[in-house]
Structures are given as structure tokens and as C-alpha cells.
Protein backbone atom coordinates (compact mmCIF):
# COMPACT_ATOMS: atom_id res chain seq x y z
CA MET A 1 28.58 -13.60 -9.76
CA LYS A 2 27.57 -16.93 -11.29
CA ASP A 3 28.79 -17.36 -14.84
CA ALA A 4 26.38 -20.24 -15.43
CA GLY A 5 23.42 -18.06 -14.51
CA TYR A 6 20.94 -18.00 -11.66
CA GLU A 7 18.23 -20.60 -11.24
CA VAL A 8 14.77 -19.19 -10.56
CA ALA A 9 12.04 -21.62 -9.49
CA VAL A 10 8.63 -20.33 -10.60
CA PHE A 11 5.27 -21.35 -9.13
CA ALA A 12 2.35 -19.65 -10.86
CA GLY A 13 -0.14 -20.90 -8.27
CA ASP A 14 -3.89 -20.45 -8.43
CA GLY A 15 -6.57 -18.25 -9.97
CA THR A 16 -5.06 -15.18 -11.58
CA GLY A 17 -1.55 -16.23 -10.54
CA PRO A 18 -0.74 -17.94 -13.87
CA GLU A 19 -1.92 -14.85 -15.77
CA VAL A 20 0.35 -12.38 -13.98
CA ILE A 21 3.29 -14.78 -13.86
CA ARG A 22 2.99 -15.32 -17.61
CA GLU A 23 3.41 -11.58 -18.18
CA GLY A 24 6.24 -11.46 -15.66
CA LEU A 25 8.16 -14.12 -17.56
CA ARG A 26 7.63 -12.19 -20.79
CA VAL A 27 9.09 -9.11 -19.16
CA LEU A 28 12.09 -11.14 -18.02
CA GLU A 29 12.46 -12.41 -21.57
CA ALA A 30 12.52 -8.83 -22.86
CA LEU A 31 15.17 -7.90 -20.31
CA GLY A 32 17.32 -10.85 -21.37
CA GLU A 33 17.28 -10.11 -25.09
CA GLY A 34 20.49 -9.16 -26.84
CA GLY A 35 22.79 -11.56 -25.04
CA PRO A 36 22.92 -14.64 -22.85
CA SER A 37 20.42 -14.23 -20.02
CA PRO A 38 21.97 -14.36 -16.54
CA TRP A 39 18.95 -16.26 -15.20
CA HIS A 40 17.10 -19.48 -15.99
CA CYS A 41 13.43 -19.76 -15.05
CA THR A 42 11.77 -23.15 -14.59
CA GLU A 43 8.06 -23.44 -13.87
CA TYR A 44 6.62 -26.04 -11.51
CA PRO A 45 2.97 -26.89 -10.75
CA GLY A 46 1.44 -26.44 -7.34
CA GLY A 47 -1.27 -24.74 -5.30
CA GLY A 48 -4.86 -25.26 -4.25
CA GLU A 49 -6.26 -26.11 -7.69
CA TYR A 50 -3.41 -28.57 -8.17
CA TYR A 51 -4.23 -30.13 -4.81
CA LEU A 52 -7.86 -30.66 -5.82
CA ARG A 53 -6.71 -32.45 -8.98
CA THR A 54 -3.88 -34.53 -7.54
CA GLY A 55 -4.13 -34.62 -3.76
CA ARG A 56 -0.67 -33.00 -3.59
CA GLU A 57 0.25 -29.35 -3.02
CA TRP A 58 3.26 -29.72 -5.31
CA GLU A 59 5.53 -32.36 -6.80
CA PRO A 60 8.80 -33.52 -5.20
CA ALA A 61 10.71 -31.95 -8.11
CA GLY A 62 9.15 -28.57 -7.35
CA GLU A 63 9.89 -28.81 -3.65
CA ALA A 64 13.51 -29.78 -4.36
CA ALA A 65 13.86 -26.92 -6.85
CA ALA A 66 12.53 -24.40 -4.34
CA HIS A 67 15.15 -25.46 -1.83
CA SER A 68 18.05 -25.37 -4.29
CA ALA A 69 17.13 -22.37 -6.47
CA ASP A 70 18.90 -19.03 -6.28
CA ALA A 71 15.51 -17.32 -6.03
CA ILE A 72 11.83 -18.23 -6.08
CA LEU A 73 8.98 -16.42 -7.82
CA VAL A 74 5.43 -17.25 -6.71
CA GLY A 75 2.14 -16.05 -8.21
CA ALA A 76 -0.76 -16.39 -5.78
CA VAL A 77 -2.16 -19.31 -3.80
CA GLY A 78 -5.70 -20.16 -2.78
CA TRP A 79 -8.78 -21.66 -4.40
CA PRO A 80 -12.36 -22.14 -3.16
CA GLY A 81 -12.82 -25.51 -1.50
CA ALA A 82 -9.11 -26.34 -1.53
CA THR A 83 -8.27 -27.07 2.10
CA LEU A 84 -6.04 -29.62 3.76
CA PRO A 85 -7.45 -32.19 6.21
CA ASN A 86 -6.32 -30.01 9.15
CA GLY A 87 -8.26 -27.03 7.78
CA ASP A 88 -5.23 -25.14 6.43
CA LEU A 89 -5.24 -23.56 3.00
CA ALA A 90 -4.16 -26.06 0.33
CA GLY A 91 -1.10 -24.65 -1.37
CA ARG A 92 0.30 -23.08 1.80
CA ALA A 93 3.47 -25.12 1.23
CA LEU A 94 4.31 -22.76 -1.64
CA VAL A 95 4.22 -19.67 0.57
CA LEU A 96 4.00 -20.21 4.32
CA GLY A 97 5.75 -23.57 4.05
CA LEU A 98 8.70 -22.04 2.23
CA ARG A 99 8.87 -19.14 4.66
CA GLU A 100 9.26 -21.66 7.45
CA GLY A 101 11.30 -24.29 5.59
CA LEU A 102 13.85 -21.84 4.15
CA ASP A 103 13.78 -19.59 7.24
CA LEU A 104 12.80 -16.50 5.25
CA TYR A 105 12.68 -14.30 8.31
CA ALA A 106 12.20 -10.83 6.79
CA ASN A 107 9.17 -9.89 4.71
CA VAL A 108 10.18 -6.74 2.82
CA ARG A 109 7.40 -4.66 1.31
CA PRO A 110 8.38 -1.54 -0.68
CA CYS A 111 5.69 1.14 -0.86
CA LYS A 112 6.46 3.69 -3.55
CA LEU A 113 3.99 5.83 -5.48
CA TYR A 114 4.91 6.39 -9.11
CA PRO A 115 3.67 9.38 -11.14
CA GLY A 116 0.65 8.44 -13.20
CA VAL A 117 -0.76 5.96 -10.68
CA ARG A 118 -4.26 6.71 -9.44
CA HIS A 119 -5.80 6.23 -5.99
CA ARG A 120 -9.28 4.95 -5.45
CA ILE A 121 -10.86 6.39 -2.32
CA SER A 122 -14.62 6.02 -1.65
CA GLY A 123 -15.11 4.59 -5.11
CA GLU A 124 -13.57 7.56 -6.90
CA TYR A 125 -10.20 8.01 -8.57
CA ARG A 126 -8.38 10.87 -6.91
CA GLU A 127 -4.97 12.42 -6.53
CA VAL A 128 -4.63 12.04 -2.77
CA TRP A 129 -0.91 11.66 -2.12
CA ALA A 130 1.87 13.30 -4.08
CA PRO A 131 4.27 10.72 -5.56
CA LYS A 132 7.26 12.48 -4.00
CA ASN A 133 5.79 11.88 -0.53
CA VAL A 134 5.33 8.09 -0.73
CA ASP A 135 8.58 6.15 -0.72
CA LEU A 136 9.05 3.81 2.24
CA VAL A 137 9.73 0.16 3.01
CA ILE A 138 8.02 -1.95 5.66
CA VAL A 139 9.99 -4.87 7.08
CA ARG A 140 7.81 -7.47 8.78
CA GLU A 141 9.06 -10.37 10.89
CA ASN A 142 8.10 -13.46 8.91
CA THR A 143 8.53 -16.65 10.97
CA GLU A 144 6.91 -16.28 14.40
CA ASP A 145 4.27 -14.32 16.35
CA LEU A 146 0.68 -15.58 15.88
CA TYR A 147 1.65 -17.54 12.78
CA THR A 148 3.59 -20.22 14.65
CA PRO A 149 1.79 -23.59 14.91
CA THR A 150 1.24 -23.20 18.67
CA ARG A 151 -2.52 -23.16 18.44
CA GLY A 152 -5.47 -25.46 18.65
CA ARG A 153 -9.06 -26.09 19.69
CA LEU A 154 -10.72 -27.77 22.63
CA ARG A 155 -13.56 -29.91 21.33
CA ARG A 156 -16.03 -31.70 23.57
CA GLY A 157 -19.11 -33.52 22.40
CA GLY A 158 -18.36 -32.62 18.80
CA GLU A 159 -18.41 -28.87 19.43
CA THR A 160 -15.58 -26.37 19.69
CA GLU A 161 -15.53 -24.71 23.09
CA VAL A 162 -12.20 -22.90 22.98
CA ALA A 163 -9.84 -21.82 20.19
CA ILE A 164 -6.31 -20.79 21.17
CA ASP A 165 -3.65 -18.88 19.25
CA THR A 166 -0.39 -18.33 21.11
CA ARG A 167 1.88 -15.41 20.27
CA ILE A 168 5.58 -16.24 20.14
CA ILE A 169 8.19 -13.45 20.09
CA THR A 170 11.79 -14.64 20.38
CA ARG A 171 15.09 -12.88 20.85
CA LYS A 172 16.53 -14.45 17.69
CA GLY A 173 13.50 -13.64 15.55
CA SER A 174 13.28 -10.06 16.75
CA GLU A 175 16.99 -9.32 16.60
CA ARG A 176 17.61 -10.51 13.06
CA VAL A 177 14.62 -8.76 11.51
CA VAL A 178 15.39 -5.53 13.38
CA ARG A 179 19.00 -5.70 12.21
CA HIS A 180 17.83 -6.28 8.63
CA ALA A 181 15.67 -3.16 8.91
CA PHE A 182 18.52 -1.06 10.30
CA GLU A 183 20.80 -2.20 7.47
CA LEU A 184 18.12 -1.27 4.96
CA ALA A 185 17.68 2.16 6.58
CA ARG A 186 21.43 2.66 6.37
CA ALA A 187 21.44 1.72 2.67
CA ARG A 188 18.59 4.11 1.76
CA ALA A 189 20.77 7.20 1.64
CA ARG A 190 17.93 9.48 0.48
CA GLY A 191 16.05 8.89 3.74
CA ALA A 192 12.46 9.89 4.37
CA PRO A 193 10.76 12.12 1.74
CA GLU A 194 9.83 14.66 4.42
CA ASP A 195 13.30 15.61 5.56
CA GLY A 196 15.88 13.20 4.13
CA VAL A 197 16.47 11.61 7.54
CA ARG A 198 17.49 7.95 7.58
CA ARG A 199 14.78 6.99 10.04
CA LEU A 200 13.64 3.56 11.24
CA THR A 201 10.20 3.36 12.87
CA CYS A 202 9.35 0.54 15.25
CA VAL A 203 5.63 -0.27 15.12
CA ASP A 204 4.24 -2.29 18.02
CA LYS A 205 1.72 -2.31 20.86
CA SER A 206 4.22 -2.14 23.70
CA ASN A 207 1.86 -0.16 25.90
CA VAL A 208 -0.21 -3.34 26.28
CA MET A 209 1.56 -6.48 25.03
CA GLU A 210 4.60 -8.11 26.62
CA GLY A 211 5.88 -9.51 23.34
CA CYS A 212 5.86 -6.02 21.87
CA ARG A 213 7.79 -4.66 24.84
CA PHE A 214 10.43 -7.30 24.20
CA PHE A 215 10.46 -6.44 20.48
CA ARG A 216 10.95 -2.74 21.27
CA GLU A 217 13.71 -3.54 23.78
CA THR A 218 15.45 -5.50 21.03
CA PHE A 219 14.95 -2.59 18.64
CA ASP A 220 16.71 -0.22 21.05
CA ARG A 221 19.50 -2.67 21.85
CA VAL A 222 20.31 -3.30 18.19
CA GLY A 223 19.73 0.36 17.33
CA ALA A 224 22.60 1.38 19.61
CA GLU A 225 24.90 -0.11 16.95
CA TYR A 226 23.47 2.28 14.33
CA PRO A 227 23.87 5.79 15.77
CA GLU A 228 23.47 7.36 12.33
CA ILE A 229 19.90 5.99 12.04
CA GLU A 230 17.17 7.94 13.82
CA ARG A 231 14.99 5.69 15.98
CA ASP A 232 11.28 6.38 15.78
CA TYR A 233 8.36 4.72 17.59
CA ALA A 234 4.64 4.24 16.97
CA TYR A 235 1.85 2.18 18.50
CA VAL A 236 0.20 0.25 15.70
CA ASP A 237 -3.24 1.84 16.10
CA ALA A 238 -1.83 5.37 15.94
CA PHE A 239 0.52 4.39 13.12
CA ALA A 240 -2.43 3.33 10.97
CA GLN A 241 -3.70 6.90 10.80
CA TRP A 242 -0.28 8.57 10.76
CA LEU A 243 0.76 6.48 7.76
CA VAL A 244 -2.19 7.70 5.71
CA ARG A 245 -2.03 11.27 6.99
CA ASN A 246 1.73 11.80 6.79
CA PRO A 247 3.46 9.08 4.71
CA GLU A 248 6.38 11.38 3.91
CA HIS A 249 7.63 10.99 7.49
CA TYR A 250 8.50 7.34 6.97
CA ASN A 251 11.62 5.81 5.50
CA VAL A 252 11.84 2.23 6.83
CA VAL A 253 9.36 0.63 9.22
CA VAL A 254 9.83 -2.60 11.19
CA ALA A 255 7.04 -4.58 12.86
CA THR A 256 6.13 -7.95 14.29
CA ASN A 257 4.52 -10.50 12.02
CA MET A 258 0.80 -10.00 12.60
CA MET A 259 0.93 -6.23 12.92
CA GLY A 260 3.20 -6.02 9.90
CA ASP A 261 0.78 -8.16 7.91
CA ILE A 262 -1.99 -5.63 8.51
CA ILE A 263 -0.08 -2.37 8.03
CA THR A 264 1.56 -3.53 4.79
CA ASP A 265 -1.82 -3.98 3.14
CA LEU A 266 -2.85 -0.56 4.43
CA ALA A 267 0.33 0.87 2.94
CA ALA A 268 -0.59 -0.62 -0.44
CA VAL A 269 -3.39 1.95 -0.67
CA LEU A 270 -0.71 4.67 -0.76
CA GLN A 271 0.88 3.18 -3.86
CA GLY A 272 -2.31 2.67 -5.84
CA GLY A 273 -3.66 -0.60 -4.47
CA MET A 274 -2.72 -4.24 -4.22
CA GLY A 275 -2.13 -4.38 -7.94
CA PHE A 276 1.17 -2.58 -7.34
CA ALA A 277 2.28 -4.26 -4.09
CA SER A 278 5.17 -6.72 -4.19
CA GLY A 279 6.91 -8.54 -1.39
CA GLY A 280 10.26 -10.19 -0.83
CA ASN A 281 10.65 -12.98 1.72
CA ILE A 282 14.33 -12.80 2.62
CA GLY A 283 16.51 -15.25 4.51
CA THR A 284 20.24 -15.70 4.95
CA ASP A 285 20.75 -17.80 1.82
CA HIS A 286 17.32 -17.94 0.16
CA ALA A 287 14.66 -15.51 -1.00
CA MET A 288 11.16 -15.72 -2.47
CA PHE A 289 9.31 -12.94 -4.27
CA GLU A 290 5.62 -12.50 -4.96
CA PRO A 291 2.86 -10.12 -5.91
CA VAL A 292 1.04 -9.96 -2.60
CA HIS A 293 -2.51 -9.72 -3.92
CA GLY A 294 -4.54 -12.90 -3.64
CA SER A 295 -5.46 -15.38 -6.34
CA ALA A 296 -8.77 -13.51 -7.03
CA PRO A 297 -10.72 -16.55 -8.28
CA LYS A 298 -13.60 -14.43 -9.59
CA TYR A 299 -11.22 -12.77 -12.05
CA ALA A 300 -9.41 -15.95 -13.10
CA GLY A 301 -9.26 -16.44 -16.84
CA LYS A 302 -10.69 -13.00 -17.63
CA ASN A 303 -7.36 -11.35 -18.57
CA GLN A 304 -8.25 -8.32 -16.43
CA VAL A 305 -5.99 -8.17 -13.40
CA ASN A 306 -3.15 -5.72 -12.89
CA PRO A 307 0.24 -7.43 -13.46
CA PHE A 308 2.39 -4.58 -12.11
CA ALA A 309 2.80 -6.15 -8.67
CA THR A 310 4.46 -9.10 -10.40
CA PHE A 311 6.74 -6.78 -12.36
CA PHE A 312 7.79 -5.02 -9.16
CA ALA A 313 8.35 -8.41 -7.49
CA ILE A 314 10.70 -9.31 -10.34
CA GLU A 315 12.51 -5.99 -9.99
CA GLN A 316 12.90 -6.71 -6.27
CA MET A 317 14.15 -10.22 -7.05
CA LEU A 318 16.79 -9.01 -9.51
CA ARG A 319 17.96 -6.34 -7.08
CA TRP A 320 18.28 -8.87 -4.25
CA LEU A 321 20.13 -11.39 -6.45
CA GLY A 322 22.50 -8.66 -7.61
CA GLY A 323 23.24 -7.54 -4.08
CA HIS A 324 23.45 -11.02 -2.59
CA HIS A 325 25.91 -12.23 -5.24
CA ALA A 326 27.70 -8.90 -5.83
CA ASP A 327 26.59 -9.06 -9.45
CA ALA A 328 26.23 -5.60 -10.97
CA ARG A 329 24.60 -7.08 -14.10
CA LEU A 330 21.45 -7.89 -12.20
CA VAL A 331 21.33 -4.52 -10.46
CA ARG A 332 21.52 -2.86 -13.89
CA GLN A 333 18.69 -5.06 -15.14
CA ALA A 334 16.60 -4.13 -12.09
CA ASP A 335 17.25 -0.47 -12.87
CA ARG A 336 16.20 -1.03 -16.49
CA LEU A 337 12.99 -2.69 -15.40
CA GLU A 338 12.13 0.00 -12.84
CA GLY A 339 12.80 2.69 -15.45
CA ALA A 340 10.50 1.01 -17.95
CA LEU A 341 7.77 0.59 -15.35
CA ALA A 342 8.04 4.25 -14.33
CA ARG A 343 7.85 5.46 -17.96
CA VAL A 344 4.79 3.36 -18.74
CA LEU A 345 2.98 4.42 -15.58
CA ALA A 346 3.80 8.12 -16.01
CA ALA A 347 2.39 8.02 -19.53
CA GLY A 348 -0.84 6.41 -18.33
CA GLN A 349 -0.35 3.67 -20.92
CA ALA A 350 -1.13 0.58 -18.87
CA ARG A 351 -4.24 1.20 -16.79
CA THR A 352 -6.15 -1.96 -16.04
CA TYR A 353 -9.64 -2.01 -14.52
CA ASP A 354 -8.40 -1.26 -10.99
CA GLN A 355 -6.94 2.03 -12.27
CA GLY A 356 -10.11 3.01 -14.12
CA GLY A 357 -8.72 1.79 -17.45
CA THR A 358 -9.60 -0.88 -19.98
CA LEU A 359 -6.27 -2.57 -20.74
CA THR A 360 -6.05 -6.31 -20.32
CA THR A 361 -3.38 -8.10 -18.32
CA GLN A 362 -1.61 -9.08 -21.55
CA GLU A 363 -1.80 -5.56 -23.01
CA ALA A 364 -0.31 -4.06 -19.85
CA GLY A 365 2.50 -6.59 -20.00
CA ALA A 366 3.09 -5.84 -23.66
CA CYS A 367 3.44 -2.12 -22.85
CA VAL A 368 6.15 -2.84 -20.30
CA SER A 369 8.00 -5.26 -22.58
CA ALA A 370 7.96 -2.66 -25.35
CA ALA A 371 9.26 0.01 -22.99
CA ILE A 372 12.14 -2.27 -21.99
CA ARG A 373 13.04 -2.91 -25.62
CA SER A 374 12.89 0.78 -26.55
CA GLY A 375 14.86 1.96 -23.51
CA SER A 376 18.61 2.11 -23.10
CA ARG A 377 20.44 -1.02 -22.00
């Protein structure tokens, strides 16, 4: 516990990022009312739009704050035409750069369906999955695989002849993310919705790829230390259809970086879409939290986008801070926030356009802030 409070570095980013972060900070303000707030949020500029204006992805003060803060909250990054000289996305320093620089090795994506949330399949709003059957977490390795900078192009005569991406799977990277997933499976005492089993599923392509064979070998070696956790296996292509067909079977899932990147966005469909999907980038001493939808430039400034992913990112942030610092105050605040979110969603009070509703981003945020204030402390 830190009596002086926890420092949260906030980067709103690009496009719709500032709109959802604004509502997120208002929700945090509502949580902190009635006493001294145990957190201090400081906003810093950065991102693709900022790069186009200044030639810098962020300021030195923002970079220093990100490295010293107790937690980081990021909106979304990316803007049309904003690219670095090497072709990379301008603003990547706020997301990919921090993953690498702070060694945030585990990308943790909860996937939980709340009553009152609609699904949109084939352009229609339907009740496809029962809320009680969708409650899992996907843990994705976050620092290696195809995202390492071991890539390039062979250019001759001004034309690209070959482009190379090299997949890197290491013992250290695999072991620590697999261990994180086993610890999470151990902590989720309720287990999988289907049968209550504390199950951990390893998703890979070990029938073809050597790196995946190594990842699965590491999964089994580490798993021997957790006999109370059932080990489960799935090839990524088969998992894609099993996840949609039978989500209740899954409790915690662990995957390599690229495969995890793909299946986490698929899983977002189960919880109502990207407007509800949050992610935590977790390291040994640092963590960064974000709504995982993009910056959606075409919606920027329209006050339309769904802010719930940001609210769930904040809930995840408070829960991690509380656990990391053994501070029950923050865990209680995370519980308050989740309770308010669940009540608002169940009542159908905060449906933005992606849920077939008409509420604005600000109105949805106001509903959640009001629910926090009216709920028990």
C-alpha cells in the first residue's frame, strides 16, 4: 500500500482515444469521491496526430512518466498518414515501445459477457451466447514471436524482391508467460463455466511449427508444477471454431504472440464486440492498460463510440494495482466499478451505436458515473 497514492500516466492517443479516456477519467473521479483518492492521474500528449504536428511521438516528460508510473492508461494510437521514416506506425512508442521498453511480457485479455449486452452477427442483433457461458481470460505472450525486429526487405533496383519476418520463440519468453497463465488459472477458483474445472488451454500450431512445439513443451514442463490445473490443448485453427461453438469449456487460455493477437479479437465477439474488450500488458514491475479497439479516425469527434472497453481497462488496472501492492482499497474500488458496469449493462441503459442504441459516448459515461455514485461504497 502507498499512502501517498499511486501515479497513473495517461496517454489519450489518437482519434477516438481522447473521447473514451475523458469518460474513463470521469469514472475514476466518481470512484474517488468521498475521500482522498488513492490514485493521481496525469495526462501526457503523444501519438500519431501529435507526431504530425511536432515530429515527436511523445515528449521526454511523458516517456519518463511512463517508466516511473505505478500504472499506465493508454487510449488508442494510429492516424492516417502518420508513419515514421522506417514505415512503422507513428505513436507505436506509446504501445509497442512500452511493451518492449518495460518488458510487459503478458498481454491479459478478459472475455466476459454481461447480461444486457447484445451480439451482432450477420448485421443483426441476436442473443447468441448465454452470459453464464462466456467468462474466460486469454493470456498472450507480448514481447517476441513475429513482432520482434528481426525482419527486413531485400531491395534491388528500387524494387522489393523479398520481405522477411522471422519468428522468435525463447525459453524465457515462453516460460514466464505460461507461468503467469497457470497462476491466473489457479486464482480463478470458479473455473470454466461448463464444469467448474480450473483448466488452462495451450493454443498453438505444434503439428507444423517448431516454435509452437517448443512453446507446448514449455507449457507441459511448467504445468507439472501445477497438478491441480487441468492441461488442455488446441491447434489454433481448430480453437477458432471451438471458441465460438463452445466458449463455456474455456477458463484460461495461453498462446504465442501472433496467434494470441488473432484469437483475442475473435474472442471479443463473444463479449459484444471490441467496444467491450480491454487488455492489460503486465510485466514484473510495470503494467499498462488499454481499450484494445483502434483509434477509429472516421468516428473521431462524433461522440459516438462505446467507452465501456476503457471502463473495463480501468477496472483491470485497479485490480492489478491492488493485487501488486497488496492494497485492498483498490480491489474494493475495482469491485465497485465492475458492479456499476454490470448494473448499467443489465438495465440496457448505455447502448451506443454498436449495440443498436443511440446514446453518445458522454451519455454512456454519465450513466456509469451515476451508477457508481448511487451504489454502495
